[in-house]
N, C-alpha and C. Protein backbone atom coordinates (compact mmCIF):
# COMPACT_ATOMS: atom_id res chain seq x y z
N MET A 1 9.76 -3.82 -21.78
CA MET A 1 8.36 -3.61 -20.99
C MET A 1 8.80 -2.11 -20.25
N LEU A 2 7.92 -1.78 -20.20
CA LEU A 2 7.90 0.10 -19.85
C LEU A 2 8.42 0.08 -17.90
N PRO A 3 9.55 0.60 -18.24
CA PRO A 3 10.21 0.93 -16.72
C PRO A 3 9.43 0.72 -15.68
N GLU A 4 8.02 1.92 -15.86
CA GLU A 4 7.14 2.31 -14.99
C GLU A 4 6.32 1.11 -14.37
N LEU A 5 6.44 0.10 -15.37
CA LEU A 5 5.72 -1.23 -15.17
C LEU A 5 6.64 -2.26 -14.04
N VAL A 6 7.45 -2.36 -14.25
CA VAL A 6 8.74 -3.06 -13.76
C VAL A 6 8.68 -2.83 -11.95
N ASP A 7 8.86 -3.79 -11.20
CA ASP A 7 8.66 -3.83 -9.40
C ASP A 7 8.68 -5.47 -9.17
N ASP A 8 9.06 -5.52 -8.39
CA ASP A 8 8.85 -6.90 -7.45
C ASP A 8 7.42 -7.58 -7.21
N SER A 9 6.27 -7.33 -7.76
CA SER A 9 4.99 -7.59 -7.75
C SER A 9 4.63 -9.19 -8.00
N PRO A 10 5.86 -9.43 -8.96
CA PRO A 10 5.19 -11.23 -9.41
C PRO A 10 5.83 -11.86 -8.08
N GLN A 11 6.20 -11.43 -6.89
CA GLN A 11 6.97 -12.31 -5.82
C GLN A 11 5.60 -12.30 -4.92
N LEU A 12 4.08 -11.63 -5.21
CA LEU A 12 3.55 -11.43 -4.03
C LEU A 12 2.57 -13.00 -4.34
N TRP A 13 2.44 -13.41 -5.34
CA TRP A 13 1.31 -14.19 -5.61
C TRP A 13 1.56 -15.67 -4.61
N ASP A 14 0.59 -16.14 -4.26
CA ASP A 14 0.52 -17.34 -3.51
C ASP A 14 1.08 -18.63 -4.26
N ALA A 15 2.24 -19.53 -2.64
CA ALA A 15 2.48 -20.43 -3.67
C ALA A 15 2.01 -21.67 -3.89
N GLY A 16 0.52 -21.43 -3.51
CA GLY A 16 -0.30 -22.12 -4.17
C GLY A 16 -1.37 -22.41 -5.66
N PHE A 17 -0.96 -21.26 -5.84
CA PHE A 17 -1.03 -20.51 -7.47
C PHE A 17 -0.04 -21.64 -8.63
N GLY A 18 -0.50 -22.29 -9.81
CA GLY A 18 0.47 -22.82 -10.25
C GLY A 18 1.13 -21.76 -11.13
N GLU A 19 2.02 -22.47 -12.27
CA GLU A 19 3.18 -21.35 -12.99
C GLU A 19 1.97 -20.53 -13.71
N VAL A 20 1.34 -21.26 -14.67
CA VAL A 20 0.41 -20.81 -15.38
C VAL A 20 -0.70 -19.27 -14.76
N ALA A 21 -1.28 -19.36 -13.50
CA ALA A 21 -2.13 -18.49 -12.88
C ALA A 21 -0.87 -17.51 -12.65
N ARG A 22 0.07 -17.79 -12.12
CA ARG A 22 0.96 -17.12 -11.33
C ARG A 22 1.30 -15.94 -12.49
N LYS A 23 1.85 -16.47 -13.77
CA LYS A 23 1.76 -15.65 -14.74
C LYS A 23 0.60 -14.62 -15.65
N LEU A 24 -0.76 -15.30 -15.27
CA LEU A 24 -2.01 -14.77 -15.21
C LEU A 24 -1.73 -13.59 -14.35
N LEU A 25 -1.53 -13.66 -13.44
CA LEU A 25 -1.48 -12.38 -12.13
C LEU A 25 -0.44 -11.49 -12.39
N THR A 26 0.69 -11.73 -12.71
CA THR A 26 1.79 -11.19 -13.09
C THR A 26 1.40 -10.03 -14.55
N ALA A 27 0.84 -10.84 -15.57
CA ALA A 27 0.33 -9.80 -16.87
C ALA A 27 -0.90 -8.88 -16.50
N GLY A 28 -1.68 -9.69 -15.43
CA GLY A 28 -2.84 -8.66 -15.36
C GLY A 28 -3.17 -7.60 -14.43
N VAL A 29 -2.07 -7.84 -13.51
CA VAL A 29 -1.61 -6.27 -12.50
C VAL A 29 -0.34 -5.23 -13.35
N ARG A 30 0.16 -5.84 -14.54
CA ARG A 30 0.96 -4.76 -15.93
C ARG A 30 -0.44 -4.46 -16.70
N CYS A 31 -1.34 -5.25 -16.83
CA CYS A 31 -2.36 -4.36 -17.96
C CYS A 31 -2.99 -3.67 -17.26
N PHE A 32 -3.79 -3.92 -15.80
CA PHE A 32 -4.57 -2.62 -14.94
C PHE A 32 -3.36 -1.90 -14.55
N ALA A 33 -2.42 -1.77 -14.27
CA ALA A 33 -1.84 -0.37 -14.09
C ALA A 33 -1.64 0.38 -15.34
N ARG A 34 -1.53 -0.37 -16.28
CA ARG A 34 -1.07 0.60 -17.16
C ARG A 34 -2.86 0.90 -18.14
N ASN A 35 -3.73 0.15 -17.85
CA ASN A 35 -4.70 0.86 -18.76
C ASN A 35 -5.98 0.81 -17.95
N GLY A 36 -5.77 0.54 -16.62
CA GLY A 36 -7.02 0.39 -15.93
C GLY A 36 -7.89 -0.56 -16.25
N PHE A 37 -8.94 -1.33 -15.15
CA PHE A 37 -9.30 -2.39 -14.75
C PHE A 37 -10.58 -2.55 -15.84
N HIS A 38 -11.21 -1.20 -16.40
CA HIS A 38 -12.41 -1.74 -17.68
C HIS A 38 -11.90 -1.57 -19.17
N ALA A 39 -10.24 -1.05 -18.99
CA ALA A 39 -10.15 -0.92 -19.97
C ALA A 39 -9.20 -2.58 -20.89
N THR A 40 -8.72 -2.72 -19.73
CA THR A 40 -8.10 -4.04 -20.18
C THR A 40 -8.98 -5.65 -20.48
N THR A 41 -8.79 -6.31 -21.12
CA THR A 41 -9.79 -6.99 -21.39
C THR A 41 -9.33 -8.99 -21.24
N THR A 42 -10.12 -9.67 -21.07
CA THR A 42 -8.90 -11.17 -20.67
C THR A 42 -7.77 -11.51 -21.82
N ARG A 43 -8.63 -10.64 -23.05
CA ARG A 43 -7.12 -11.31 -24.28
C ARG A 43 -6.30 -10.19 -23.77
N HIS A 44 -6.24 -8.88 -23.80
CA HIS A 44 -5.03 -8.18 -22.99
C HIS A 44 -3.66 -9.02 -22.02
N ILE A 45 -4.64 -9.61 -20.87
CA ILE A 45 -4.14 -10.97 -20.24
C ILE A 45 -3.18 -11.66 -20.82
N THR A 46 -4.21 -12.57 -21.54
CA THR A 46 -3.77 -13.53 -21.76
C THR A 46 -2.60 -13.73 -22.83
N THR A 47 -2.66 -12.53 -23.68
CA THR A 47 -1.65 -12.17 -24.68
C THR A 47 -0.54 -12.10 -24.00
N ALA A 48 -0.55 -10.43 -23.01
CA ALA A 48 0.84 -10.83 -22.16
C ALA A 48 1.73 -11.71 -21.26
N ALA A 49 0.70 -12.55 -21.00
CA ALA A 49 1.21 -13.82 -20.60
C ALA A 49 1.56 -15.11 -21.42
N GLY A 50 1.41 -14.61 -22.84
CA GLY A 50 1.72 -15.65 -23.92
C GLY A 50 1.30 -16.92 -23.90
N LEU A 51 -0.13 -16.64 -23.59
CA LEU A 51 -0.93 -17.98 -23.32
C LEU A 51 -2.55 -17.56 -24.54
N SER A 52 -2.95 -18.85 -24.55
CA SER A 52 -4.36 -18.32 -25.65
C SER A 52 -5.17 -17.99 -24.64
N PRO A 53 -6.49 -17.36 -25.84
CA PRO A 53 -7.33 -16.58 -25.25
C PRO A 53 -8.22 -17.13 -23.87
N ALA A 54 -8.04 -18.26 -24.25
CA ALA A 54 -9.39 -18.89 -23.12
C ALA A 54 -8.44 -19.39 -21.96
N ALA A 55 -7.46 -19.01 -21.84
CA ALA A 55 -6.61 -19.41 -20.71
C ALA A 55 -6.69 -19.51 -19.63
N LEU A 56 -7.38 -17.91 -19.40
CA LEU A 56 -7.44 -17.49 -18.02
C LEU A 56 -8.84 -17.94 -17.43
N TYR A 57 -9.65 -18.55 -18.21
CA TYR A 57 -10.89 -19.41 -17.38
C TYR A 57 -10.69 -20.60 -16.67
N VAL A 58 -9.47 -21.22 -17.38
CA VAL A 58 -8.90 -22.28 -16.64
C VAL A 58 -8.59 -22.52 -15.11
N HIS A 59 -7.98 -20.68 -14.84
CA HIS A 59 -7.69 -21.16 -13.81
C HIS A 59 -8.39 -19.72 -12.53
N PHE A 60 -9.32 -18.72 -13.19
CA PHE A 60 -9.92 -17.58 -12.42
C PHE A 60 -11.03 -17.69 -13.49
N THR A 61 -11.98 -17.42 -12.60
CA THR A 61 -14.02 -17.70 -13.01
C THR A 61 -14.07 -16.23 -14.17
N SER A 62 -13.25 -15.34 -13.66
CA SER A 62 -13.51 -13.95 -14.69
C SER A 62 -12.05 -13.26 -13.98
N LYS A 63 -12.25 -11.87 -15.20
CA LYS A 63 -11.06 -10.93 -15.10
C LYS A 63 -11.24 -10.13 -13.98
N GLU A 64 -12.41 -10.35 -12.94
CA GLU A 64 -12.67 -9.01 -11.68
C GLU A 64 -11.82 -10.35 -10.32
N GLU A 65 -11.82 -11.54 -10.61
CA GLU A 65 -10.97 -12.16 -9.86
C GLU A 65 -9.91 -12.67 -10.13
N VAL A 66 -8.96 -12.27 -11.09
CA VAL A 66 -7.79 -11.71 -10.91
C VAL A 66 -7.53 -10.55 -10.66
N LEU A 67 -8.06 -9.71 -10.71
CA LEU A 67 -8.09 -7.83 -9.71
C LEU A 67 -7.96 -8.54 -8.31
N PHE A 68 -9.14 -8.84 -8.19
CA PHE A 68 -8.85 -9.73 -6.23
C PHE A 68 -8.22 -10.53 -5.95
N GLU A 69 -7.45 -10.95 -6.67
CA GLU A 69 -6.08 -12.36 -5.93
C GLU A 69 -5.30 -10.85 -6.08
N ILE A 70 -5.19 -10.40 -6.86
CA ILE A 70 -3.76 -9.52 -7.22
C ILE A 70 -3.71 -8.10 -6.05
N THR A 71 -4.90 -7.75 -5.69
CA THR A 71 -5.38 -6.86 -4.65
C THR A 71 -5.36 -7.28 -3.34
N ARG A 72 -5.80 -8.63 -3.19
CA ARG A 72 -5.79 -9.33 -1.54
C ARG A 72 -3.91 -9.73 -1.15
N ALA A 73 -3.58 -9.99 -2.53
CA ALA A 73 -2.08 -10.48 -2.24
C ALA A 73 -1.61 -9.14 -1.37
N ALA A 74 -1.51 -8.43 -2.06
CA ALA A 74 -0.80 -7.20 -2.40
C ALA A 74 -1.11 -6.35 -0.22
N HIS A 75 -2.31 -6.95 -0.06
CA HIS A 75 -2.90 -6.31 1.25
C HIS A 75 -2.08 -6.85 2.33
N ARG A 76 -1.98 -8.32 1.86
CA ARG A 76 -1.55 -9.62 3.15
C ARG A 76 -0.45 -9.35 2.91
N SER A 77 0.32 -8.89 2.18
CA SER A 77 1.86 -8.86 2.08
C SER A 77 2.52 -7.10 2.91
N SER A 78 1.49 -6.18 2.75
CA SER A 78 1.98 -5.19 3.43
C SER A 78 1.92 -4.90 4.45
N LEU A 79 1.03 -6.00 5.01
CA LEU A 79 0.05 -6.01 6.59
C LEU A 79 0.87 -6.97 7.19
N ALA A 80 1.32 -7.79 6.83
CA ALA A 80 2.34 -8.96 7.39
C ALA A 80 3.73 -8.22 7.37
N VAL A 81 4.21 -7.23 6.56
CA VAL A 81 5.18 -6.44 6.79
C VAL A 81 5.25 -5.51 8.16
N LEU A 82 4.20 -4.76 8.04
CA LEU A 82 3.47 -3.87 9.34
C LEU A 82 4.08 -4.89 10.53
N ARG A 83 3.49 -5.92 10.66
CA ARG A 83 2.84 -7.21 11.84
C ARG A 83 4.70 -7.56 11.95
N GLU A 84 5.28 -7.53 11.49
CA GLU A 84 6.58 -8.06 11.95
C GLU A 84 7.75 -6.86 12.16
N THR A 85 6.81 -5.95 12.29
CA THR A 85 7.93 -4.57 12.75
C THR A 85 7.87 -4.57 13.94
N GLN A 86 8.95 -4.88 15.08
CA GLN A 86 8.93 -5.04 16.47
C GLN A 86 8.25 -3.65 16.92
N SER A 87 7.51 -4.15 18.06
CA SER A 87 6.69 -2.95 18.97
C SER A 87 7.69 -2.74 20.26
N ALA A 88 8.62 -3.49 20.47
CA ALA A 88 9.15 -2.93 21.79
C ALA A 88 10.18 -2.08 21.44
N GLY A 89 10.41 -1.14 23.01
CA GLY A 89 11.38 -0.35 22.73
C GLY A 89 10.82 1.12 22.50
N ASP A 90 11.79 2.04 22.09
CA ASP A 90 11.29 3.24 22.06
C ASP A 90 10.00 3.35 21.22
N PRO A 91 8.94 4.06 21.08
CA PRO A 91 7.82 4.44 20.55
C PRO A 91 7.74 4.95 19.28
N ALA A 92 8.61 6.07 19.69
CA ALA A 92 9.03 6.80 18.58
C ALA A 92 9.39 6.16 17.49
N ALA A 93 10.35 5.51 17.78
CA ALA A 93 11.24 4.59 16.69
C ALA A 93 10.45 3.75 15.99
N HIS A 94 9.65 2.99 16.74
CA HIS A 94 8.56 2.06 16.21
C HIS A 94 7.91 2.31 15.38
N LEU A 95 7.53 3.74 15.70
CA LEU A 95 6.34 4.35 14.91
C LEU A 95 7.15 4.86 13.03
N LYS A 96 8.59 5.32 13.63
CA LYS A 96 9.28 5.55 11.92
C LYS A 96 9.23 4.34 11.24
N ALA A 97 9.67 3.09 12.09
CA ALA A 97 10.00 2.12 11.56
C ALA A 97 8.95 1.57 10.39
N LEU A 98 7.33 1.33 11.17
CA LEU A 98 6.12 1.37 10.55
C LEU A 98 5.79 1.91 9.36
N VAL A 99 6.23 3.74 9.40
CA VAL A 99 6.22 4.39 7.99
C VAL A 99 7.48 3.95 6.80
N ALA A 100 8.49 3.77 7.47
CA ALA A 100 9.77 3.39 6.60
C ALA A 100 9.45 2.03 5.61
N ARG A 101 8.55 0.63 6.32
CA ARG A 101 8.44 0.05 6.05
C ARG A 101 7.28 -0.27 4.85
N PHE A 102 6.29 0.25 5.49
CA PHE A 102 5.47 0.61 4.78
C PHE A 102 5.39 1.17 3.48
N VAL A 103 6.20 1.98 3.33
CA VAL A 103 6.56 3.07 2.12
C VAL A 103 7.58 2.02 1.47
N ALA A 104 8.59 1.63 2.49
CA ALA A 104 9.29 0.64 1.04
C ALA A 104 8.68 -0.18 0.81
N TRP A 105 7.93 -1.04 1.08
CA TRP A 105 6.79 -1.90 0.51
C TRP A 105 6.33 -1.47 -0.73
N HIS A 106 5.53 -0.01 -0.46
CA HIS A 106 4.82 -0.03 -1.70
C HIS A 106 5.47 0.57 -2.58
N ALA A 107 6.99 1.27 -2.59
CA ALA A 107 8.15 1.86 -3.41
C ALA A 107 8.34 0.21 -4.51
N ARG A 108 8.42 -0.83 -3.54
CA ARG A 108 9.07 -1.77 -4.45
C ARG A 108 8.38 -2.72 -5.27
N HIS A 109 6.98 -2.56 -4.79
CA HIS A 109 5.63 -3.20 -5.44
C HIS A 109 4.86 -2.57 -5.85
N HIS A 110 5.48 -1.33 -6.19
CA HIS A 110 4.52 -0.20 -6.60
C HIS A 110 3.41 -0.42 -7.70
N VAL A 111 3.42 -1.18 -8.37
CA VAL A 111 2.60 -1.58 -9.75
C VAL A 111 1.28 -2.44 -9.09
N ALA A 112 1.69 -2.89 -7.97
CA ALA A 112 0.71 -4.00 -7.56
C ALA A 112 0.07 -3.39 -6.59
N GLY A 113 0.59 -1.76 -5.88
CA GLY A 113 0.02 -1.01 -5.07
C GLY A 113 -0.93 0.02 -5.69
N ARG A 114 -0.54 0.36 -6.88
CA ARG A 114 -1.17 1.33 -7.91
C ARG A 114 -2.78 0.27 -8.15
N VAL A 115 -2.20 -0.97 -8.46
CA VAL A 115 -3.55 -1.32 -9.20
C VAL A 115 -4.37 -1.51 -7.77
N SER A 116 -3.90 -2.09 -6.50
CA SER A 116 -4.71 -2.28 -5.47
C SER A 116 -5.39 -0.66 -4.71
N GLN A 117 -4.94 0.08 -5.02
CA GLN A 117 -5.24 1.58 -4.43
C GLN A 117 -6.31 1.80 -5.25
N TYR A 118 -5.87 1.51 -6.49
CA TYR A 118 -6.98 2.57 -7.50
C TYR A 118 -7.99 2.18 -8.62
N GLU A 119 -8.19 0.56 -8.26
CA GLU A 119 -8.84 -0.52 -9.06
C GLU A 119 -9.89 -0.74 -8.08
N LEU A 120 -10.06 -0.41 -6.57
CA LEU A 120 -11.33 -1.23 -6.04
C LEU A 120 -12.05 -1.16 -6.44
N SER A 121 -12.60 0.32 -6.99
CA SER A 121 -14.13 -0.28 -7.44
C SER A 121 -14.72 -1.13 -8.34
N ALA A 122 -13.90 -1.82 -8.74
CA ALA A 122 -14.43 -2.47 -9.96
C ALA A 122 -14.39 -3.97 -9.45
N LEU A 123 -14.56 -3.96 -7.67
CA LEU A 123 -14.41 -5.40 -7.23
C LEU A 123 -15.47 -5.62 -6.80
N THR A 124 -16.11 -6.68 -6.69
CA THR A 124 -17.96 -6.72 -6.15
C THR A 124 -17.56 -6.69 -4.83
N ALA A 125 -18.91 -6.73 -4.04
CA ALA A 125 -19.22 -6.12 -2.97
C ALA A 125 -18.80 -6.98 -1.69
N GLN A 126 -18.50 -8.45 -2.18
CA GLN A 126 -17.93 -9.28 -1.27
C GLN A 126 -16.76 -9.59 -1.62
N HIS A 127 -15.62 -9.25 -2.59
CA HIS A 127 -14.56 -9.08 -2.47
C HIS A 127 -14.23 -7.50 -1.95
N TYR A 128 -14.86 -6.52 -2.48
CA TYR A 128 -14.44 -5.57 -1.82
C TYR A 128 -14.31 -5.51 -0.16
N GLU A 129 -15.31 -6.20 0.60
CA GLU A 129 -15.31 -6.28 2.18
C GLU A 129 -14.23 -6.94 2.36
N VAL A 130 -13.66 -8.11 1.83
CA VAL A 130 -12.38 -8.91 2.20
C VAL A 130 -11.41 -7.51 2.27
N ILE A 131 -11.55 -6.96 0.97
CA ILE A 131 -9.96 -5.84 1.28
C ILE A 131 -10.21 -4.88 2.26
N VAL A 132 -11.52 -4.06 1.99
CA VAL A 132 -11.51 -3.44 3.59
C VAL A 132 -11.61 -4.06 5.12
N GLY A 133 -11.85 -4.83 5.13
CA GLY A 133 -10.86 -5.76 6.10
C GLY A 133 -9.50 -5.76 6.71
N LEU A 134 -8.85 -5.72 5.48
CA LEU A 134 -7.23 -6.09 5.55
C LEU A 134 -6.78 -4.45 5.56
N ARG A 135 -7.22 -3.66 5.11
CA ARG A 135 -7.24 -2.10 5.07
C ARG A 135 -7.43 -1.50 6.84
N GLN A 136 -8.52 -1.95 7.09
CA GLN A 136 -8.63 -2.05 8.83
C GLN A 136 -7.80 -2.37 9.41
N GLN A 137 -6.91 -3.64 9.09
CA GLN A 137 -6.22 -4.08 10.26
C GLN A 137 -4.72 -3.30 10.01
N ALA A 138 -4.43 -2.90 8.45
CA ALA A 138 -3.41 -2.34 8.80
C ALA A 138 -3.71 -0.73 9.39
N THR A 139 -4.53 -0.12 9.12
CA THR A 139 -4.88 1.41 10.00
C THR A 139 -5.15 0.97 11.45
N ALA A 140 -5.48 0.12 12.11
CA ALA A 140 -5.00 -0.20 13.15
C ALA A 140 -3.92 -0.56 13.66
N VAL A 141 -3.12 -0.72 13.06
CA VAL A 141 -1.50 -1.36 13.74
C VAL A 141 -0.81 0.49 13.55
N PHE A 142 -1.15 1.26 12.64
CA PHE A 142 -0.78 2.78 12.68
C PHE A 142 -1.02 3.42 14.00
N HIS A 143 -2.65 3.26 13.97
CA HIS A 143 -3.36 3.68 15.11
C HIS A 143 -2.97 3.66 16.68
N ASP A 144 -2.53 2.20 16.77
CA ASP A 144 -1.93 1.88 18.12
C ASP A 144 -0.68 2.15 18.44
N ALA A 145 0.23 2.15 16.99
CA ALA A 145 1.43 3.14 17.29
C ALA A 145 1.37 4.46 17.69
N VAL A 146 0.80 5.63 17.08
CA VAL A 146 0.10 6.47 17.16
C VAL A 146 0.08 6.36 18.94
N VAL A 147 -1.33 6.10 19.10
CA VAL A 147 -1.69 6.11 20.42
C VAL A 147 -0.73 6.02 21.49
N ARG A 148 0.24 4.80 21.33
CA ARG A 148 1.40 4.40 22.64
C ARG A 148 2.10 5.43 22.46
N SER A 149 2.56 5.92 21.43
CA SER A 149 3.32 7.03 21.19
C SER A 149 3.09 8.77 22.09
N VAL A 150 1.54 8.50 22.18
CA VAL A 150 1.17 9.50 22.84
C VAL A 150 1.17 9.07 24.79
N HIS A 151 0.67 7.79 24.96
CA HIS A 151 0.62 7.10 26.40
C HIS A 151 2.32 7.59 27.16
N GLU A 152 3.07 7.12 26.07
CA GLU A 152 4.58 7.33 26.21
C GLU A 152 5.58 8.81 26.37
N GLY A 153 4.40 9.50 25.86
CA GLY A 153 5.46 10.55 26.23
C GLY A 153 6.09 10.90 24.68
N ALA A 154 5.72 10.01 23.53
CA ALA A 154 6.87 10.49 22.56
C ALA A 154 6.57 12.02 21.65
N PHE A 155 5.06 12.51 22.13
CA PHE A 155 4.89 13.65 21.82
C PHE A 155 3.59 13.80 22.39
N GLY A 156 2.70 14.91 22.22
CA GLY A 156 1.87 15.40 22.82
C GLY A 156 0.46 14.98 22.43
N THR A 157 -0.60 15.21 23.30
CA THR A 157 -1.65 14.47 22.40
C THR A 157 -2.26 14.61 21.34
N VAL A 158 -3.02 14.40 19.85
CA VAL A 158 -2.89 14.28 18.86
C VAL A 158 -4.42 13.75 18.35
N ASP A 159 -4.86 14.29 17.23
CA ASP A 159 -6.16 13.18 16.87
C ASP A 159 -5.22 12.10 16.08
N ALA A 160 -5.74 11.08 16.64
CA ALA A 160 -4.89 10.08 16.35
C ALA A 160 -5.42 9.42 14.67
N HIS A 161 -6.69 9.46 14.39
CA HIS A 161 -7.22 9.36 13.29
C HIS A 161 -7.20 10.03 12.22
N ARG A 162 -6.79 11.25 12.23
CA ARG A 162 -6.09 12.17 11.66
C ARG A 162 -4.70 11.83 10.91
N VAL A 163 -4.11 11.61 12.32
CA VAL A 163 -2.91 11.89 11.79
C VAL A 163 -2.38 10.31 10.99
N VAL A 164 -3.42 9.02 11.12
CA VAL A 164 -3.06 7.85 10.22
C VAL A 164 -3.64 8.08 8.71
N ARG A 165 -4.42 8.82 9.02
CA ARG A 165 -4.92 9.28 7.70
C ARG A 165 -3.46 9.42 6.83
N ALA A 166 -3.15 11.02 6.76
CA ALA A 166 -1.62 11.48 6.61
C ALA A 166 -0.71 10.21 6.21
N VAL A 167 -0.47 10.38 7.39
CA VAL A 167 0.35 9.45 7.48
C VAL A 167 0.57 8.13 6.54
N LEU A 168 -0.58 7.22 6.62
CA LEU A 168 -1.10 6.63 5.22
C LEU A 168 -1.25 6.95 3.81
N SER A 169 -1.80 8.56 3.73
CA SER A 169 -1.71 8.83 2.71
C SER A 169 -0.50 8.86 2.05
N LEU A 170 0.36 9.65 3.19
CA LEU A 170 1.90 10.00 2.39
C LEU A 170 2.60 8.64 1.91
N GLY A 171 2.32 7.49 2.69
CA GLY A 171 3.13 6.25 1.93
C GLY A 171 2.54 5.70 0.68
N VAL A 172 1.05 6.08 0.25
CA VAL A 172 -0.10 5.13 -0.42
C VAL A 172 0.89 6.33 -1.89
N ASP A 173 0.62 7.44 -1.72
CA ASP A 173 0.35 7.84 -2.82
C ASP A 173 1.78 7.96 -3.82
N LEU A 174 2.92 7.59 -3.56
CA LEU A 174 4.00 7.20 -4.32
C LEU A 174 3.59 6.39 -5.25
N VAL A 175 3.01 5.23 -5.37
CA VAL A 175 2.59 4.25 -6.27
C VAL A 175 1.60 5.06 -7.66
N ARG A 176 1.59 6.18 -7.72
CA ARG A 176 1.61 7.51 -8.57
C ARG A 176 2.53 7.46 -9.80
N TRP A 177 3.74 7.62 -9.00
CA TRP A 177 4.72 8.34 -9.94
C TRP A 177 6.08 7.24 -9.76
N TYR A 178 6.63 6.44 -8.13
CA TYR A 178 7.88 5.71 -7.89
C TYR A 178 8.03 4.90 -9.26
N ARG A 179 9.24 4.81 -9.25
CA ARG A 179 10.08 4.03 -10.60
C ARG A 179 11.15 3.66 -9.36
N LEU A 180 11.80 1.63 -9.84
CA LEU A 180 12.35 1.23 -9.24
C LEU A 180 13.89 1.63 -9.57
N ASP A 181 13.89 2.57 -11.20
CA ASP A 181 15.26 2.96 -11.74
C ASP A 181 15.54 4.18 -11.11
N GLY A 182 14.61 4.87 -10.35
CA GLY A 182 15.11 6.24 -10.16
C GLY A 182 16.14 6.55 -8.92
N PRO A 183 15.95 7.94 -8.80
CA PRO A 183 17.05 7.54 -7.68
C PRO A 183 17.18 7.71 -6.03
N ASP A 184 15.72 7.35 -5.47
CA ASP A 184 16.06 6.74 -4.44
C ASP A 184 15.27 5.08 -4.41
N SER A 185 16.01 4.48 -3.68
CA SER A 185 16.27 3.18 -3.57
C SER A 185 14.83 2.93 -2.54
N PRO A 186 13.76 1.92 -2.66
CA PRO A 186 12.69 1.95 -2.16
C PRO A 186 13.14 2.34 -0.05
N GLU A 187 14.48 1.41 -0.01
CA GLU A 187 14.35 2.06 1.61
C GLU A 187 15.12 3.18 1.53
N GLN A 188 15.52 3.79 1.04
CA GLN A 188 16.25 5.16 1.63
C GLN A 188 14.78 6.30 1.56
N LEU A 189 13.93 5.98 0.37
CA LEU A 189 12.54 6.90 0.15
C LEU A 189 11.96 6.33 1.75
N GLY A 190 11.54 5.02 2.08
CA GLY A 190 11.06 4.88 3.47
C GLY A 190 11.52 5.56 4.29
N ASP A 191 12.76 5.35 4.65
CA ASP A 191 13.53 6.35 6.07
C ASP A 191 13.22 7.63 5.65
N PHE A 192 12.96 8.60 4.38
CA PHE A 192 13.19 9.91 4.48
C PHE A 192 11.78 10.07 4.60
N TYR A 193 10.87 9.12 4.14
CA TYR A 193 9.15 9.31 4.40
C TYR A 193 9.13 9.24 6.07
N ALA A 194 9.74 8.36 6.05
CA ALA A 194 9.46 7.81 8.07
C ALA A 194 10.11 9.31 8.76
N GLU A 195 11.05 10.30 8.54
CA GLU A 195 11.18 11.62 9.44
C GLU A 195 10.13 12.55 8.55
N LEU A 196 9.59 12.16 7.79
CA LEU A 196 8.45 13.18 7.12
C LEU A 196 7.37 13.08 8.13
N ALA A 197 7.11 11.86 8.46
CA ALA A 197 5.99 11.48 9.14
C ALA A 197 6.26 11.61 10.49
N TRP A 198 7.22 11.68 11.10
CA TRP A 198 7.84 11.51 12.35
C TRP A 198 7.54 13.74 12.86
N GLY A 199 8.00 14.05 11.60
CA GLY A 199 7.54 15.66 11.84
C GLY A 199 6.54 16.35 11.75
N MET A 200 5.99 15.37 10.81
CA MET A 200 4.29 15.88 10.69
C MET A 200 3.44 15.72 12.09
N VAL A 201 3.60 14.54 12.34
CA VAL A 201 2.58 14.24 13.54
C VAL A 201 3.52 15.14 15.27
N THR A 202 4.66 15.03 15.43
CA THR A 202 5.28 16.45 16.18
C THR A 202 4.37 17.57 15.56
N THR A 203 4.40 17.95 14.98
CA THR A 203 3.98 19.14 14.47
C THR A 203 2.26 19.62 14.86
N ALA A 204 1.83 18.63 14.54
CA ALA A 204 0.56 18.29 15.00
C ALA A 204 0.02 18.20 16.63
N SER A 205 0.98 17.58 16.98
CA SER A 205 0.95 17.65 18.76
C SER A 205 1.18 19.12 19.48
N SER A 206 2.19 20.06 18.89
CA SER A 206 2.54 21.19 19.29
C SER A 206 1.42 22.41 18.79
N VAL A 207 0.59 21.82 17.32
CA VAL A 207 -0.23 22.87 16.57
C VAL A 207 -1.38 23.04 18.03
N ALA A 208 -1.99 21.00 18.26
CA ALA A 208 -3.14 20.69 19.38
C ALA A 208 -2.61 21.66 20.74
N ARG A 209 -1.27 21.63 21.34
CA ARG A 209 -1.32 22.63 22.46
C ARG A 209 -1.01 23.64 22.86
N HIS A 210 -0.98 24.10 21.21
CA HIS A 210 -0.79 25.70 21.13
C HIS A 210 -1.61 26.39 19.59
N PRO A 211 -2.86 26.15 20.05
CA PRO A 211 -3.91 26.38 18.94
C PRO A 211 -4.07 27.87 18.30
N ALA A 212 -4.07 28.61 17.26
CA ALA A 212 -3.44 30.11 16.69
C ALA A 212 -5.04 30.09 17.24
N PRO A 213 -4.62 31.88 17.71
CA PRO A 213 -5.92 32.47 18.25
C PRO A 213 -7.14 32.68 17.15
N ASN A 214 -8.27 32.70 17.63
CA ASN A 214 -9.58 33.12 16.60
C ASN A 214 -9.58 31.51 15.74
N GLY A 215 -8.78 30.78 15.75
CA GLY A 215 -9.56 29.70 14.96
C GLY A 215 -8.76 29.66 13.47
N THR A 216 -7.58 31.14 13.42
CA THR A 216 -6.64 30.93 12.37
C THR A 216 -5.90 30.44 11.86
N SER A 217 -5.28 29.97 11.10
CA SER A 217 -4.25 28.59 11.02
C SER A 217 -2.83 29.55 11.40
N PRO A 218 -2.20 28.85 12.06
CA PRO A 218 -0.44 29.34 12.30
C PRO A 218 0.34 29.41 10.82
N ALA A 219 1.12 30.51 11.22
CA ALA A 219 2.28 31.20 9.97
C ALA A 219 2.96 29.93 9.74
């Protein structure tokens, strides 16, 4: 198997799926990550799973449903990681912990993360709305943490929506290039990105307090 397709995504599938369905989801996520949704056929998926061509339709109604279950599982798992992060104590430590865990999750599950971020347009409208709801919940966790940090004086006033978009983008983008056999473990990358994100929000706070004259960008 290609090293860039090796990750912990097979651990994401709901226990309610049987062994064959989980094989199909694992094969599906790797095929979608390698070829894209539209270039992947049901035969590609069943062949990768070591099954007959008709096996997919025993467990899923369509290729799109396979994509939906992969995407829903990934979003539910990453949201659960955020919600498990303790919010008590230092708001700065909480925000950095959220970033670290969010980044580490995307590194450890980068194949499912890549599919979940870049193949959304292939979902039906109904399935897309489900995923949007999960994404909004994850965004709200970060938004609340940023607002809390401002209220408790961890840094000055910032545009929370802009900051959250930047932080989320920082964490998600790594799915394009990360490999588990690279120099940084998911946790090492998470800790590094947490410090980057903290520097980013504190810099944004400083710029908001001391804008450059005449609307120019600060040097």
